[in-house]
PDB file of N, CA and C in Angstrom:
ATOM      1  N   MET A   1       0.846  -1.188   0.000  1.00  0.00           N
ATOM      2  CA  MET A   1       0.000   0.000   0.000  1.00  0.00           C
ATOM      3  C   MET A   1       0.885   1.243   0.000  1.00  0.00           C
ATOM      4  N   VAL A   2       0.522   2.214  -0.790  1.00  0.00           N
ATOM      5  CA  VAL A   2       1.287   3.448  -0.883  1.00  0.00           C
ATOM      6  C   VAL A   2       0.814   4.396   0.206  1.00  0.00           C
ATOM      7  N   LYS A   3       1.767   4.906   0.980  1.00  0.00           N
ATOM      8  CA  LYS A   3       1.463   5.829   2.067  1.00  0.00           C
ATOM      9  C   LYS A   3       1.398   7.254   1.528  1.00  0.00           C
ATOM     10  N   PRO A   4       0.320   8.004   1.851  1.00  0.00           N
ATOM     11  CA  PRO A   4       0.240   9.391   1.381  1.00  0.00           C
ATOM     12  C   PRO A   4       1.384  10.237   1.921  1.00  0.00           C
ATOM     13  N   ILE A   5       1.869  11.143   1.096  1.00  0.00           N
ATOM     14  CA  ILE A   5       2.969  12.023   1.468  1.00  0.00           C
ATOM     15  C   ILE A   5       2.454  13.452   1.359  1.00  0.00           C
ATOM     16  N   PRO A   6       2.709  14.280   2.370  1.00  0.00           N
ATOM     17  CA  PRO A   6       2.218  15.660   2.295  1.00  0.00           C
ATOM     18  C   PRO A   6       2.894  16.431   1.158  1.00  0.00           C
ATOM     19  N   PRO A   7       2.205  17.475   0.657  1.00  0.00           N
ATOM     20  CA  PRO A   7       2.780  18.278  -0.423  1.00  0.00           C
ATOM     21  C   PRO A   7       4.106  18.909  -0.014  1.00  0.00           C
ATOM     22  N   GLY A   8       4.939  19.159  -0.971  1.00  0.00           N
ATOM     23  CA  GLY A   8       6.225  19.789  -0.702  1.00  0.00           C
ATOM     24  C   GLY A   8       7.015  19.947  -1.972  1.00  0.00           C
ATOM     25  N   SER A   9       8.311  20.073  -1.802  1.00  0.00           N
ATOM     26  CA  SER A   9       9.220  20.164  -2.924  1.00  0.00           C
ATOM     27  C   SER A   9       9.800  18.778  -3.159  1.00  0.00           C
ATOM     28  N   VAL A  10       9.689  18.293  -4.377  1.00  0.00           N
ATOM     29  CA  VAL A  10      10.061  16.917  -4.698  1.00  0.00           C
ATOM     30  C   VAL A  10      11.133  16.921  -5.778  1.00  0.00           C
ATOM     31  N   THR A  11      12.195  16.146  -5.554  1.00  0.00           N
ATOM     32  CA  THR A  11      13.243  15.943  -6.549  1.00  0.00           C
ATOM     33  C   THR A  11      13.097  14.516  -7.052  1.00  0.00           C
ATOM     34  N   MET A  12      12.962  14.350  -8.369  1.00  0.00           N
ATOM     35  CA  MET A  12      12.638  13.034  -8.905  1.00  0.00           C
ATOM     36  C   MET A  12      13.512  12.707 -10.109  1.00  0.00           C
ATOM     37  N   SER A  13      13.805  11.402 -10.250  1.00  0.00           N
ATOM     38  CA  SER A  13      14.491  10.893 -11.436  1.00  0.00           C
ATOM     39  C   SER A  13      13.822   9.585 -11.841  1.00  0.00           C
ATOM     40  N   ASP A  14      14.273   9.004 -12.943  1.00  0.00           N
ATOM     41  CA  ASP A  14      13.706   7.742 -13.445  1.00  0.00           C
ATOM     42  C   ASP A  14      12.184   7.809 -13.411  1.00  0.00           C
ATOM     43  N   TRP A  15      11.645   8.763 -14.135  1.00  0.00           N
ATOM     44  CA  TRP A  15      10.234   9.117 -13.995  1.00  0.00           C
ATOM     45  C   TRP A  15       9.526   9.208 -15.339  1.00  0.00           C
ATOM     46  N   ASN A  16       8.205   9.354 -15.245  1.00  0.00           N
ATOM     47  CA  ASN A  16       7.379   9.572 -16.419  1.00  0.00           C
ATOM     48  C   ASN A  16       6.050  10.137 -15.947  1.00  0.00           C
ATOM     49  N   ILE A  17       5.196  10.489 -16.876  1.00  0.00           N
ATOM     50  CA  ILE A  17       3.826  10.874 -16.558  1.00  0.00           C
ATOM     51  C   ILE A  17       2.937   9.708 -16.963  1.00  0.00           C
ATOM     52  N   VAL A  18       2.118   9.245 -16.018  1.00  0.00           N
ATOM     53  CA  VAL A  18       1.185   8.156 -16.270  1.00  0.00           C
ATOM     54  C   VAL A  18      -0.165   8.763 -16.639  1.00  0.00           C
ATOM     55  N   VAL A  19      -0.719   8.340 -17.751  1.00  0.00           N
ATOM     56  CA  VAL A  19      -2.061   8.742 -18.154  1.00  0.00           C
ATOM     57  C   VAL A  19      -3.005   7.637 -17.697  1.00  0.00           C
ATOM     58  N   ILE A  20      -3.960   7.996 -16.837  1.00  0.00           N
ATOM     59  CA  ILE A  20      -4.884   7.027 -16.248  1.00  0.00           C
ATOM     60  C   ILE A  20      -6.277   7.311 -16.788  1.00  0.00           C
ATOM     61  N   GLU A  21      -6.889   6.293 -17.382  1.00  0.00           N
ATOM     62  CA  GLU A  21      -8.243   6.409 -17.896  1.00  0.00           C
ATOM     63  C   GLU A  21      -9.141   5.454 -17.116  1.00  0.00           C
ATOM     64  N   TYR A  22     -10.241   6.000 -16.567  1.00  0.00           N
ATOM     65  CA  TYR A  22     -11.185   5.181 -15.816  1.00  0.00           C
ATOM     66  C   TYR A  22     -12.550   5.871 -15.805  1.00  0.00           C
ATOM     67  N   GLU A  23     -13.585   5.091 -15.989  1.00  0.00           N
ATOM     68  CA  GLU A  23     -14.965   5.572 -15.936  1.00  0.00           C
ATOM     69  C   GLU A  23     -15.170   6.893 -16.692  1.00  0.00           C
ATOM     70  N   GLY A  24     -14.559   7.021 -17.854  1.00  0.00           N
ATOM     71  CA  GLY A  24     -14.722   8.221 -18.660  1.00  0.00           C
ATOM     72  C   GLY A  24     -13.855   9.396 -18.246  1.00  0.00           C
ATOM     73  N   HIS A  25     -13.036   9.230 -17.223  1.00  0.00           N
ATOM     74  CA  HIS A  25     -12.137  10.291 -16.761  1.00  0.00           C
ATOM     75  C   HIS A  25     -10.719  10.003 -17.250  1.00  0.00           C
ATOM     76  N   VAL A  26      -9.957  11.057 -17.440  1.00  0.00           N
ATOM     77  CA  VAL A  26      -8.542  10.926 -17.787  1.00  0.00           C
ATOM     78  C   VAL A  26      -7.760  11.867 -16.879  1.00  0.00           C
ATOM     79  N   VAL A  27      -6.773  11.325 -16.159  1.00  0.00           N
ATOM     80  CA  VAL A  27      -5.900  12.137 -15.315  1.00  0.00           C
ATOM     81  C   VAL A  27      -4.453  11.769 -15.620  1.00  0.00           C
ATOM     82  N   GLU A  28      -3.555  12.681 -15.299  1.00  0.00           N
ATOM     83  CA  GLU A  28      -2.126  12.426 -15.459  1.00  0.00           C
ATOM     84  C   GLU A  28      -1.456  12.590 -14.103  1.00  0.00           C
ATOM     85  N   ARG A  29      -0.488  11.709 -13.812  1.00  0.00           N
ATOM     86  CA  ARG A  29       0.262  11.761 -12.554  1.00  0.00           C
ATOM     87  C   ARG A  29       1.732  11.487 -12.819  1.00  0.00           C
ATOM     88  N   PHE A  30       2.583  12.128 -11.998  1.00  0.00           N
ATOM     89  CA  PHE A  30       4.013  11.841 -12.056  1.00  0.00           C
ATOM     90  C   PHE A  30       4.285  10.557 -11.277  1.00  0.00           C
ATOM     91  N   ILE A  31       5.210   9.754 -11.773  1.00  0.00           N
ATOM     92  CA  ILE A  31       5.668   8.581 -11.039  1.00  0.00           C
ATOM     93  C   ILE A  31       7.156   8.418 -11.306  1.00  0.00           C
ATOM     94  N   GLY A  32       7.917   8.119 -10.246  1.00  0.00           N
ATOM     95  CA  GLY A  32       9.350   7.929 -10.394  1.00  0.00           C
ATOM     96  C   GLY A  32      10.034   7.835  -9.049  1.00  0.00           C
ATOM     97  N   TYR A  33      11.351   7.911  -9.077  1.00  0.00           N
ATOM     98  CA  TYR A  33      12.142   7.809  -7.853  1.00  0.00           C
ATOM     99  C   TYR A  33      12.249   9.182  -7.191  1.00  0.00           C
ATOM    100  N   CYS A  34      11.849   9.243  -5.908  1.00  0.00           N
ATOM    101  CA  CYS A  34      11.860  10.491  -5.138  1.00  0.00           C
ATOM    102  C   CYS A  34      13.060  10.493  -4.194  1.00  0.00           C
ATOM    103  N   TYR A  35      13.905  11.502  -4.304  1.00  0.00           N
ATOM    104  CA  TYR A  35      15.110  11.583  -3.478  1.00  0.00           C
ATOM    105  C   TYR A  35      14.797  11.917  -2.024  1.00  0.00           C
ATOM    106  N   GLU A  36      13.702  12.624  -1.769  1.00  0.00           N
ATOM    107  CA  GLU A  36      13.373  12.992  -0.388  1.00  0.00           C
ATOM    108  C   GLU A  36      12.964  11.781   0.452  1.00  0.00           C
ATOM    109  N   ILE A  37      12.214  10.853  -0.131  1.00  0.00           N
ATOM    110  CA  ILE A  37      11.768   9.677   0.636  1.00  0.00           C
ATOM    111  C   ILE A  37      12.584   8.427   0.303  1.00  0.00           C
ATOM    112  N   LYS A  38      13.467   8.550  -0.688  1.00  0.00           N
ATOM    113  CA  LYS A  38      14.327   7.441  -1.124  1.00  0.00           C
ATOM    114  C   LYS A  38      13.510   6.198  -1.492  1.00  0.00           C
ATOM    115  N   HIS A  39      12.453   6.444  -2.255  1.00  0.00           N
ATOM    116  CA  HIS A  39      11.550   5.397  -2.714  1.00  0.00           C
ATOM    117  C   HIS A  39      10.791   5.978  -3.905  1.00  0.00           C
ATOM    118  N   PHE A  40       9.928   5.183  -4.516  1.00  0.00           N
ATOM    119  CA  PHE A  40       9.156   5.740  -5.618  1.00  0.00           C
ATOM    120  C   PHE A  40       8.034   6.609  -5.070  1.00  0.00           C
ATOM    121  N   ARG A  41       7.571   7.519  -5.900  1.00  0.00           N
ATOM    122  CA  ARG A  41       6.460   8.404  -5.528  1.00  0.00           C
ATOM    123  C   ARG A  41       5.473   8.447  -6.681  1.00  0.00           C
ATOM    124  N   PHE A  42       4.196   8.395  -6.332  1.00  0.00           N
ATOM    125  CA  PHE A  42       3.083   8.475  -7.272  1.00  0.00           C
ATOM    126  C   PHE A  42       2.306   9.717  -6.882  1.00  0.00           C
ATOM    127  N   SER A  43       2.337  10.736  -7.717  1.00  0.00           N
ATOM    128  CA  SER A  43       1.807  12.052  -7.350  1.00  0.00           C
ATOM    129  C   SER A  43       0.286  12.121  -7.414  1.00  0.00           C
ATOM    130  N   SER A  44      -0.228  13.245  -6.949  1.00  0.00           N
ATOM    131  CA  SER A  44      -1.621  13.591  -7.214  1.00  0.00           C
ATOM    132  C   SER A  44      -1.684  14.074  -8.668  1.00  0.00           C
ATOM    133  N   ASP A  45      -2.831  14.516  -9.111  1.00  0.00           N
ATOM    134  CA  ASP A  45      -3.009  14.917 -10.513  1.00  0.00           C
ATOM    135  C   ASP A  45      -2.056  16.041 -10.914  1.00  0.00           C
ATOM    136  N   VAL A  46      -1.481  15.895 -12.096  1.00  0.00           N
ATOM    137  CA  VAL A  46      -0.579  16.907 -12.648  1.00  0.00           C
ATOM    138  C   VAL A  46      -1.400  18.132 -13.066  1.00  0.00           C
ATOM    139  N   VAL A  47      -0.943  19.290 -12.627  1.00  0.00           N
ATOM    140  CA  VAL A  47      -1.552  20.557 -13.024  1.00  0.00           C
ATOM    141  C   VAL A  47      -0.712  21.196 -14.121  1.00  0.00           C
ATOM    142  N   GLU A  48       0.619  20.998 -14.020  1.00  0.00           N
ATOM    143  CA  GLU A  48       1.517  21.648 -14.971  1.00  0.00           C
ATOM    144  C   GLU A  48       2.813  20.850 -15.088  1.00  0.00           C
ATOM    145  N   TYR A  49       3.295  20.728 -16.325  1.00  0.00           N
ATOM    146  CA  TYR A  49       4.636  20.206 -16.562  1.00  0.00           C
ATOM    147  C   TYR A  49       5.283  21.103 -17.595  1.00  0.00           C
ATOM    148  N   ASP A  50       6.454  21.646 -17.265  1.00  0.00           N
ATOM    149  CA  ASP A  50       7.190  22.520 -18.173  1.00  0.00           C
ATOM    150  C   ASP A  50       8.446  21.779 -18.643  1.00  0.00           C
ATOM    151  N   PRO A  51       8.446  21.284 -19.890  1.00  0.00           N
ATOM    152  CA  PRO A  51       9.601  20.536 -20.380  1.00  0.00           C
ATOM    153  C   PRO A  51      10.861  21.381 -20.544  1.00  0.00           C
ATOM    154  N   VAL A  52      10.720  22.679 -20.678  1.00  0.00           N
ATOM    155  CA  VAL A  52      11.894  23.544 -20.832  1.00  0.00           C
ATOM    156  C   VAL A  52      12.675  23.608 -19.514  1.00  0.00           C
ATOM    157  N   SER A  53      11.970  23.866 -18.409  1.00  0.00           N
ATOM    158  CA  SER A  53      12.631  23.927 -17.096  1.00  0.00           C
ATOM    159  C   SER A  53      12.672  22.567 -16.403  1.00  0.00           C
ATOM    160  N   ASN A  54      11.970  21.585 -16.990  1.00  0.00           N
ATOM    161  CA  ASN A  54      11.886  20.231 -16.436  1.00  0.00           C
ATOM    162  C   ASN A  54      11.363  20.257 -14.997  1.00  0.00           C
ATOM    163  N   THR A  55      10.265  20.970 -14.807  1.00  0.00           N
ATOM    164  CA  THR A  55       9.614  21.097 -13.501  1.00  0.00           C
ATOM    165  C   THR A  55       8.118  20.856 -13.656  1.00  0.00           C
ATOM    166  N   GLY A  56       7.449  20.626 -12.529  1.00  0.00           N
ATOM    167  CA  GLY A  56       6.015  20.407 -12.572  1.00  0.00           C
ATOM    168  C   GLY A  56       5.344  20.749 -11.260  1.00  0.00           C
ATOM    169  N   LYS A  57       4.023  20.793 -11.310  1.00  0.00           N
ATOM    170  CA  LYS A  57       3.203  21.044 -10.122  1.00  0.00           C
ATOM    171  C   LYS A  57       2.020  20.089 -10.149  1.00  0.00           C
ATOM    172  N   THR A  58       1.552  19.736  -8.938  1.00  0.00           N
ATOM    173  CA  THR A  58       0.398  18.855  -8.839  1.00  0.00           C
ATOM    174  C   THR A  58      -0.750  19.533  -8.092  1.00  0.00           C
ATOM    175  N   ARG A  59      -1.922  18.924  -8.206  1.00  0.00           N
ATOM    176  CA  ARG A  59      -3.124  19.455  -7.571  1.00  0.00           C
ATOM    177  C   ARG A  59      -2.963  19.615  -6.058  1.00  0.00           C
ATOM    178  N   SER A  60      -2.172  18.754  -5.422  1.00  0.00           N
ATOM    179  CA  SER A  60      -1.988  18.833  -3.967  1.00  0.00           C
ATOM    180  C   SER A  60      -1.108  20.012  -3.554  1.00  0.00           C
ATOM    181  N   GLY A  61      -0.420  20.624  -4.530  1.00  0.00           N
ATOM    182  CA  GLY A  61       0.451  21.756  -4.235  1.00  0.00           C
ATOM    183  C   GLY A  61       1.932  21.445  -4.250  1.00  0.00           C
ATOM    184  N   SER A  62       2.293  20.210  -4.543  1.00  0.00           N
ATOM    185  CA  SER A  62       3.717  19.856  -4.602  1.00  0.00           C
ATOM    186  C   SER A  62       4.365  20.440  -5.853  1.00  0.00           C
ATOM    187  N   SER A  63       5.632  20.821  -5.710  1.00  0.00           N
ATOM    188  CA  SER A  63       6.458  21.298  -6.825  1.00  0.00           C
ATOM    189  C   SER A  63       7.501  20.234  -7.107  1.00  0.00           C
ATOM    190  N   TYR A  64       7.671  19.900  -8.377  1.00  0.00           N
ATOM    191  CA  TYR A  64       8.590  18.840  -8.788  1.00  0.00           C
ATOM    192  C   TYR A  64       9.739  19.403  -9.593  1.00  0.00           C
ATOM    193  N   ILE A  65      10.937  18.916  -9.294  1.00  0.00           N
ATOM    194  CA  ILE A  65      12.133  19.193 -10.073  1.00  0.00           C
ATOM    195  C   ILE A  65      12.625  17.834 -10.572  1.00  0.00           C
ATOM    196  N   PHE A  66      12.779  17.702 -11.874  1.00  0.00           N
ATOM    197  CA  PHE A  66      13.187  16.431 -12.462  1.00  0.00           C
ATOM    198  C   PHE A  66      14.649  16.508 -12.876  1.00  0.00           C
ATOM    199  N   LEU A  67      15.428  15.503 -12.478  1.00  0.00           N
ATOM    200  CA  LEU A  67      16.861  15.478 -12.745  1.00  0.00           C
ATOM    201  C   LEU A  67      17.195  14.930 -14.124  1.00  0.00           C
ATOM    202  N   ASP A  68      16.218  14.308 -14.759  1.00  0.00           N
ATOM    203  CA  ASP A  68      16.420  13.774 -16.097  1.00  0.00           C
ATOM    204  C   ASP A  68      15.119  13.941 -16.873  1.00  0.00           C
ATOM    205  N   ARG A  69      15.145  13.584 -18.122  1.00  0.00           N
ATOM    206  CA  ARG A  69      13.959  13.691 -18.961  1.00  0.00           C
ATOM    207  C   ARG A  69      13.026  12.506 -18.697  1.00  0.00           C
ATOM    208  N   PRO A  70      11.727  12.666 -18.976  1.00  0.00           N
ATOM    209  CA  PRO A  70      10.817  11.541 -18.765  1.00  0.00           C
ATOM    210  C   PRO A  70      11.168  10.375 -19.678  1.00  0.00           C
ATOM    211  N   GLY A  71      10.995   9.173 -19.151  1.00  0.00           N
ATOM    212  CA  GLY A  71      11.311   7.980 -19.937  1.00  0.00           C
ATOM    213  C   GLY A  71      11.163   6.736 -19.097  1.00  0.00           C
ATOM    214  N   LYS A  72      12.239   5.983 -19.007  1.00  0.00           N
ATOM    215  CA  LYS A  72      12.236   4.707 -18.297  1.00  0.00           C
ATOM    216  C   LYS A  72      12.008   4.931 -16.807  1.00  0.00           C
ATOM    217  N   LEU A  73      11.112   4.102 -16.224  1.00  0.00           N
ATOM    218  CA  LEU A  73      10.784   4.224 -14.807  1.00  0.00           C
ATOM    219  C   LEU A  73      11.758   3.480 -13.909  1.00  0.00           C
ATOM    220  N   HIS A  74      11.890   3.961 -12.682  1.00  0.00           N
ATOM    221  CA  HIS A  74      12.611   3.247 -11.637  1.00  0.00           C
ATOM    222  C   HIS A  74      11.948   1.872 -11.478  1.00  0.00           C
ATOM    223  N   PRO A  75      12.716   0.789 -11.248  1.00  0.00           N
ATOM    224  CA  PRO A  75      12.139  -0.562 -11.185  1.00  0.00           C
ATOM    225  C   PRO A  75      11.001  -0.714 -10.166  1.00  0.00           C
ATOM    226  N   VAL A  76      11.096  -0.094  -9.007  1.00  0.00           N
ATOM    227  CA  VAL A  76      10.030  -0.223  -8.002  1.00  0.00           C
ATOM    228  C   VAL A  76       8.767   0.494  -8.482  1.00  0.00           C
ATOM    229  N   ALA A  77       8.927   1.658  -9.099  1.00  0.00           N
ATOM    230  CA  ALA A  77       7.776   2.383  -9.652  1.00  0.00           C
ATOM    231  C   ALA A  77       7.132   1.563 -10.766  1.00  0.00           C
ATOM    232  N   LYS A  78       7.951   0.909 -11.580  1.00  0.00           N
ATOM    233  CA  LYS A  78       7.443   0.070 -12.668  1.00  0.00           C
ATOM    234  C   LYS A  78       6.618  -1.087 -12.119  1.00  0.00           C
ATOM    235  N   ARG A  79       7.096  -1.738 -11.045  1.00  0.00           N
ATOM    236  CA  ARG A  79       6.337  -2.835 -10.428  1.00  0.00           C
ATOM    237  C   ARG A  79       4.992  -2.343  -9.900  1.00  0.00           C
ATOM    238  N   PHE A  80       5.000  -1.172  -9.235  1.00  0.00           N
ATOM    239  CA  PHE A  80       3.757  -0.592  -8.718  1.00  0.00           C
ATOM    240  C   PHE A  80       2.783  -0.351  -9.865  1.00  0.00           C
ATOM    241  N   LEU A  81       3.268   0.230 -10.940  1.00  0.00           N
ATOM    242  CA  LEU A  81       2.424   0.540 -12.088  1.00  0.00           C
ATOM    243  C   LEU A  81       1.876  -0.733 -12.730  1.00  0.00           C
ATOM    244  N   ASP A  82       2.700  -1.758 -12.843  1.00  0.00           N
ATOM    245  CA  ASP A  82       2.250  -3.033 -13.407  1.00  0.00           C
ATOM    246  C   ASP A  82       1.128  -3.632 -12.556  1.00  0.00           C
ATOM    247  N   ASP A  83       1.264  -3.559 -11.228  1.00  0.00           N
ATOM    248  CA  ASP A  83       0.210  -4.067 -10.336  1.00  0.00           C
ATOM    249  C   ASP A  83      -1.056  -3.228 -10.445  1.00  0.00           C
ATOM    250  N   PHE A  84      -0.905  -1.915 -10.499  1.00  0.00           N
ATOM    251  CA  PHE A  84      -2.029  -0.992 -10.610  1.00  0.00           C
ATOM    252  C   PHE A  84      -2.797  -1.233 -11.905  1.00  0.00           C
ATOM    253  N   ASN A  85      -2.079  -1.578 -12.958  1.00  0.00           N
ATOM    254  CA  ASN A  85      -2.667  -1.806 -14.276  1.00  0.00           C
ATOM    255  C   ASN A  85      -3.535  -3.055 -14.325  1.00  0.00           C
ATOM    256  N   LYS A  86      -3.463  -3.909 -13.317  1.00  0.00           N
ATOM    257  CA  LYS A  86      -4.257  -5.142 -13.278  1.00  0.00           C
ATOM    258  C   LYS A  86      -5.695  -4.894 -12.831  1.00  0.00           C
ATOM    259  N   HIS A  87      -5.999  -3.714 -12.314  1.00  0.00           N
ATOM    260  CA  HIS A  87      -7.356  -3.411 -11.857  1.00  0.00           C
ATOM    261  C   HIS A  87      -8.293  -3.280 -13.064  1.00  0.00           C
ATOM    262  N   PRO A  88      -9.428  -3.993 -13.021  1.00  0.00           N
ATOM    263  CA  PRO A  88     -10.360  -3.892 -14.144  1.00  0.00           C
ATOM    264  C   PRO A  88     -10.944  -2.477 -14.242  1.00  0.00           C
ATOM    265  N   GLY A  89     -11.157  -2.034 -15.456  1.00  0.00           N
ATOM    266  CA  GLY A  89     -11.757  -0.728 -15.675  1.00  0.00           C
ATOM    267  C   GLY A  89     -10.772   0.425 -15.669  1.00  0.00           C
ATOM    268  N   ILE A  90      -9.493   0.131 -15.436  1.00  0.00           N
ATOM    269  CA  ILE A  90      -8.464   1.169 -15.432  1.00  0.00           C
ATOM    270  C   ILE A  90      -7.507   0.891 -16.589  1.00  0.00           C
ATOM    271  N   ARG A  91      -7.223   1.921 -17.350  1.00  0.00           N
ATOM    272  CA  ARG A  91      -6.260   1.792 -18.448  1.00  0.00           C
ATOM    273  C   ARG A  91      -5.128   2.781 -18.206  1.00  0.00           C
ATOM    274  N   LEU A  92      -3.898   2.304 -18.255  1.00  0.00           N
ATOM    275  CA  LEU A  92      -2.727   3.137 -18.004  1.00  0.00           C
ATOM    276  C   LEU A  92      -1.804   3.135 -19.221  1.00  0.00           C
ATOM    277  N   ARG A  93      -1.153   4.281 -19.405  1.00  0.00           N
ATOM    278  CA  ARG A  93      -0.075   4.333 -20.407  1.00  0.00           C
ATOM    279  C   ARG A  93       0.889   5.437 -19.991  1.00  0.00           C
ATOM    280  N   LEU A  94       2.130   5.274 -20.381  1.00  0.00           N
ATOM    281  CA  LEU A  94       3.130   6.296 -20.125  1.00  0.00           C
ATOM    282  C   LEU A  94       3.031   7.350 -21.221  1.00  0.00           C
ATOM    283  N   LYS A  95       3.098   8.611 -20.828  1.00  0.00           N
ATOM    284  CA  LYS A  95       2.952   9.703 -21.776  1.00  0.00           C
ATOM    285  C   LYS A  95       4.177   9.837 -22.678  1.00  0.00           C
ATOM    286  N   TYR A  96       5.359   9.560 -22.130  1.00  0.00           N
ATOM    287  CA  TYR A  96       6.602   9.705 -22.882  1.00  0.00           C
ATOM    288  C   TYR A  96       7.266   8.352 -23.069  1.00  0.00           C
ATOM    289  N   GLU A  97       7.700   8.100 -24.280  1.00  0.00           N
ATOM    290  CA  GLU A  97       8.374   6.845 -24.604  1.00  0.00           C
ATOM    291  C   GLU A  97       9.715   6.776 -23.882  1.00  0.00           C
ATOM    292  N   SER A  98      10.114   5.577 -23.513  1.00  0.00           N
ATOM    293  CA  SER A  98      11.419   5.425 -22.843  1.00  0.00           C
ATOM    294  C   SER A  98      12.496   5.075 -23.838  1.00  0.00           C
TER     295      SER A  98
END
């Protein structure tokens, strides 16, 4: 089970944006390795991603700084996503190719 993390400043690598489709809704979330918690992090809904500055913001108020470009996920984040994708009625895809 993923433990909720309060909003803050997040430094992330080995990340991507996950597009989640369910019950007619589409949301995007950041997922990747978080340096502050030294584990993977699955964000709240993405409000903004700026590829020029490689930063983002989420609905919860967190600010993200990405150390690399979106692409291949951290192995633990990938396992979480693979398990999450098994839920019926939910369709997931990565926004950026790795």
